[in-house]
Amino acid sequence: MASGWASDEAVNDQINSTINDGVERVRQALGQGESERFCQECGEEISEARRKALKGVRFCLACQTEMDKQQKNLSLYNRRGSKDSQLR
């Protein structure tokens, strides 16, 4: 294709890849198993209410909030390259 633009298939591949990455992040975030009593990051006790509400919780609310912020910042950057370079 000499026009300099990506084919519809390339665009669809990029969209599907972004969706698949998002789904995988959500799957990894879902708790499994018994909740921890103490935060794996800071060692503080995880409240009983949080442990009961979330299956497999591993972090206290403060640490989980910070980790979620960092993940959000990372997810704003497309690891596979910029859209312009990919879709040409």
C-alpha atoms as a PDB file:
ATOM      1  CA  MET A   1       0.000   0.000   0.000  1.00  0.00           C
ATOM      2  CA  ALA A   2       1.780   3.155  -1.169  1.00  0.00           C
ATOM      3  CA  SER A   3      -0.608   5.746   0.291  1.00  0.00           C
ATOM      4  CA  GLY A   4       1.289   5.967   3.579  1.00  0.00           C
ATOM      5  CA  TRP A   5      -1.724   4.960   5.654  1.00  0.00           C
ATOM      6  CA  ALA A   6      -2.364   1.726   7.474  1.00  0.00           C
ATOM      7  CA  SER A   7      -4.756  -0.819   6.093  1.00  0.00           C
ATOM      8  CA  ASP A   8      -8.037  -1.473   7.871  1.00  0.00           C
ATOM      9  CA  GLU A   9      -6.571  -4.777   9.031  1.00  0.00           C
ATOM     10  CA  ALA A  10      -3.613  -3.028  10.697  1.00  0.00           C
ATOM     11  CA  VAL A  11      -5.945  -0.600  12.443  1.00  0.00           C
ATOM     12  CA  ASN A  12      -8.150  -3.460  13.637  1.00  0.00           C
ATOM     13  CA  ASP A  13      -5.082  -5.358  14.864  1.00  0.00           C
ATOM     14  CA  GLN A  14      -3.997  -2.324  16.899  1.00  0.00           C
ATOM     15  CA  ILE A  15      -7.479  -1.914  18.399  1.00  0.00           C
ATOM     16  CA  ASN A  16      -7.708  -5.614  19.258  1.00  0.00           C
ATOM     17  CA  SER A  17      -4.265  -5.541  20.827  1.00  0.00           C
ATOM     18  CA  THR A  18      -5.207  -2.581  23.027  1.00  0.00           C
ATOM     19  CA  ILE A  19      -8.417  -4.307  24.115  1.00  0.00           C
ATOM     20  CA  ASN A  20      -6.591  -7.567  24.843  1.00  0.00           C
ATOM     21  CA  ASP A  21      -4.015  -5.712  26.966  1.00  0.00           C
ATOM     22  CA  GLY A  22      -6.813  -4.092  28.968  1.00  0.00           C
ATOM     23  CA  VAL A  23      -8.618  -7.368  29.512  1.00  0.00           C
ATOM     24  CA  GLU A  24      -5.396  -9.029  30.673  1.00  0.00           C
ATOM     25  CA  ARG A  25      -4.711  -6.212  33.173  1.00  0.00           C
ATOM     26  CA  VAL A  26      -8.206  -6.627  34.620  1.00  0.00           C
ATOM     27  CA  ARG A  27      -7.812 -10.403  34.876  1.00  0.00           C
ATOM     28  CA  GLN A  28      -4.539  -9.981  36.752  1.00  0.00           C
ATOM     29  CA  ALA A  29      -6.150  -7.473  39.108  1.00  0.00           C
ATOM     30  CA  LEU A  30      -8.921  -9.866  40.115  1.00  0.00           C
ATOM     31  CA  GLY A  31      -8.180 -11.418  43.462  1.00  0.00           C
ATOM     32  CA  GLN A  32      -7.969 -15.149  43.888  1.00  0.00           C
ATOM     33  CA  GLY A  33      -7.700 -17.272  46.976  1.00  0.00           C
ATOM     34  CA  GLU A  34      -7.571 -16.149  50.570  1.00  0.00           C
ATOM     35  CA  SER A  35      -6.857 -12.507  51.372  1.00  0.00           C
ATOM     36  CA  GLU A  36      -3.624 -11.525  53.107  1.00  0.00           C
ATOM     37  CA  ARG A  37      -3.852 -10.163  56.634  1.00  0.00           C
ATOM     38  CA  PHE A  38      -0.927  -7.773  56.137  1.00  0.00           C
ATOM     39  CA  CYS A  39      -0.097  -5.622  53.111  1.00  0.00           C
ATOM     40  CA  GLN A  40       2.617  -7.138  50.914  1.00  0.00           C
ATOM     41  CA  GLU A  41       3.924  -3.647  50.145  1.00  0.00           C
ATOM     42  CA  CYS A  42       4.077  -1.796  53.486  1.00  0.00           C
ATOM     43  CA  GLY A  43       3.328  -4.497  56.059  1.00  0.00           C
ATOM     44  CA  GLU A  44       0.366  -2.670  57.592  1.00  0.00           C
ATOM     45  CA  GLU A  45      -2.645  -4.724  58.598  1.00  0.00           C
ATOM     46  CA  ILE A  46      -5.386  -4.898  55.959  1.00  0.00           C
ATOM     47  CA  SER A  47      -8.769  -4.082  57.463  1.00  0.00           C
ATOM     48  CA  GLU A  48     -11.148  -6.960  58.001  1.00  0.00           C
ATOM     49  CA  ALA A  49     -13.822  -5.199  55.959  1.00  0.00           C
ATOM     50  CA  ARG A  50     -11.455  -4.938  52.972  1.00  0.00           C
ATOM     51  CA  ARG A  51     -10.404  -8.574  53.303  1.00  0.00           C
ATOM     52  CA  LYS A  52     -14.028  -9.690  53.354  1.00  0.00           C
ATOM     53  CA  ALA A  53     -15.072  -7.411  50.492  1.00  0.00           C
ATOM     54  CA  LEU A  54     -12.270  -8.392  48.103  1.00  0.00           C
ATOM     55  CA  LYS A  55     -11.326 -11.979  47.458  1.00  0.00           C
ATOM     56  CA  GLY A  56      -7.562 -12.471  47.460  1.00  0.00           C
ATOM     57  CA  VAL A  57      -6.654  -8.898  48.480  1.00  0.00           C
ATOM     58  CA  ARG A  58      -2.875  -8.474  48.885  1.00  0.00           C
ATOM     59  CA  PHE A  59      -2.434  -4.750  49.596  1.00  0.00           C
ATOM     60  CA  CYS A  60      -3.854  -2.158  51.976  1.00  0.00           C
ATOM     61  CA  LEU A  61      -6.062   0.545  50.472  1.00  0.00           C
ATOM     62  CA  ALA A  62      -3.294   3.191  50.475  1.00  0.00           C
ATOM     63  CA  CYS A  63      -0.783   0.959  48.664  1.00  0.00           C
ATOM     64  CA  GLN A  64      -3.378  -0.358  46.198  1.00  0.00           C
ATOM     65  CA  THR A  65      -4.467   3.206  45.387  1.00  0.00           C
ATOM     66  CA  GLU A  66      -0.862   4.211  44.679  1.00  0.00           C
ATOM     67  CA  MET A  67      -0.263   1.121  42.544  1.00  0.00           C
ATOM     68  CA  ASP A  68      -3.453   1.831  40.577  1.00  0.00           C
ATOM     69  CA  LYS A  69      -2.264   5.411  39.900  1.00  0.00           C
ATOM     70  CA  GLN A  70       1.085   4.136  38.637  1.00  0.00           C
ATOM     71  CA  GLN A  71      -0.605   1.517  36.443  1.00  0.00           C
ATOM     72  CA  LYS A  72      -2.929   4.140  34.985  1.00  0.00           C
ATOM     73  CA  ASN A  73       0.034   6.349  34.095  1.00  0.00           C
ATOM     74  CA  LEU A  74       1.797   3.416  32.425  1.00  0.00           C
ATOM     75  CA  SER A  75      -1.301   2.362  30.511  1.00  0.00           C
ATOM     76  CA  LEU A  76      -1.581   5.791  28.886  1.00  0.00           C
ATOM     77  CA  TYR A  77       1.568   4.978  26.919  1.00  0.00           C
ATOM     78  CA  ASN A  78       1.192   2.464  24.120  1.00  0.00           C
ATOM     79  CA  ARG A  79       4.076   0.024  24.677  1.00  0.00           C
ATOM     80  CA  ARG A  80       3.891  -1.191  21.096  1.00  0.00           C
ATOM     81  CA  GLY A  81       4.833   2.197  19.713  1.00  0.00           C
ATOM     82  CA  SER A  82       3.111   5.410  18.857  1.00  0.00           C
ATOM     83  CA  LYS A  83      -0.142   5.256  16.959  1.00  0.00           C
ATOM     84  CA  ASP A  84       1.271   7.369  14.142  1.00  0.00           C
ATOM     85  CA  SER A  85       4.212   5.048  13.547  1.00  0.00           C
ATOM     86  CA  GLN A  86       2.035   1.929  13.772  1.00  0.00           C
ATOM     87  CA  LEU A  87      -0.791   3.069  11.541  1.00  0.00           C
ATOM     88  CA  ARG A  88       1.237   4.275   8.573  1.00  0.00           C
END
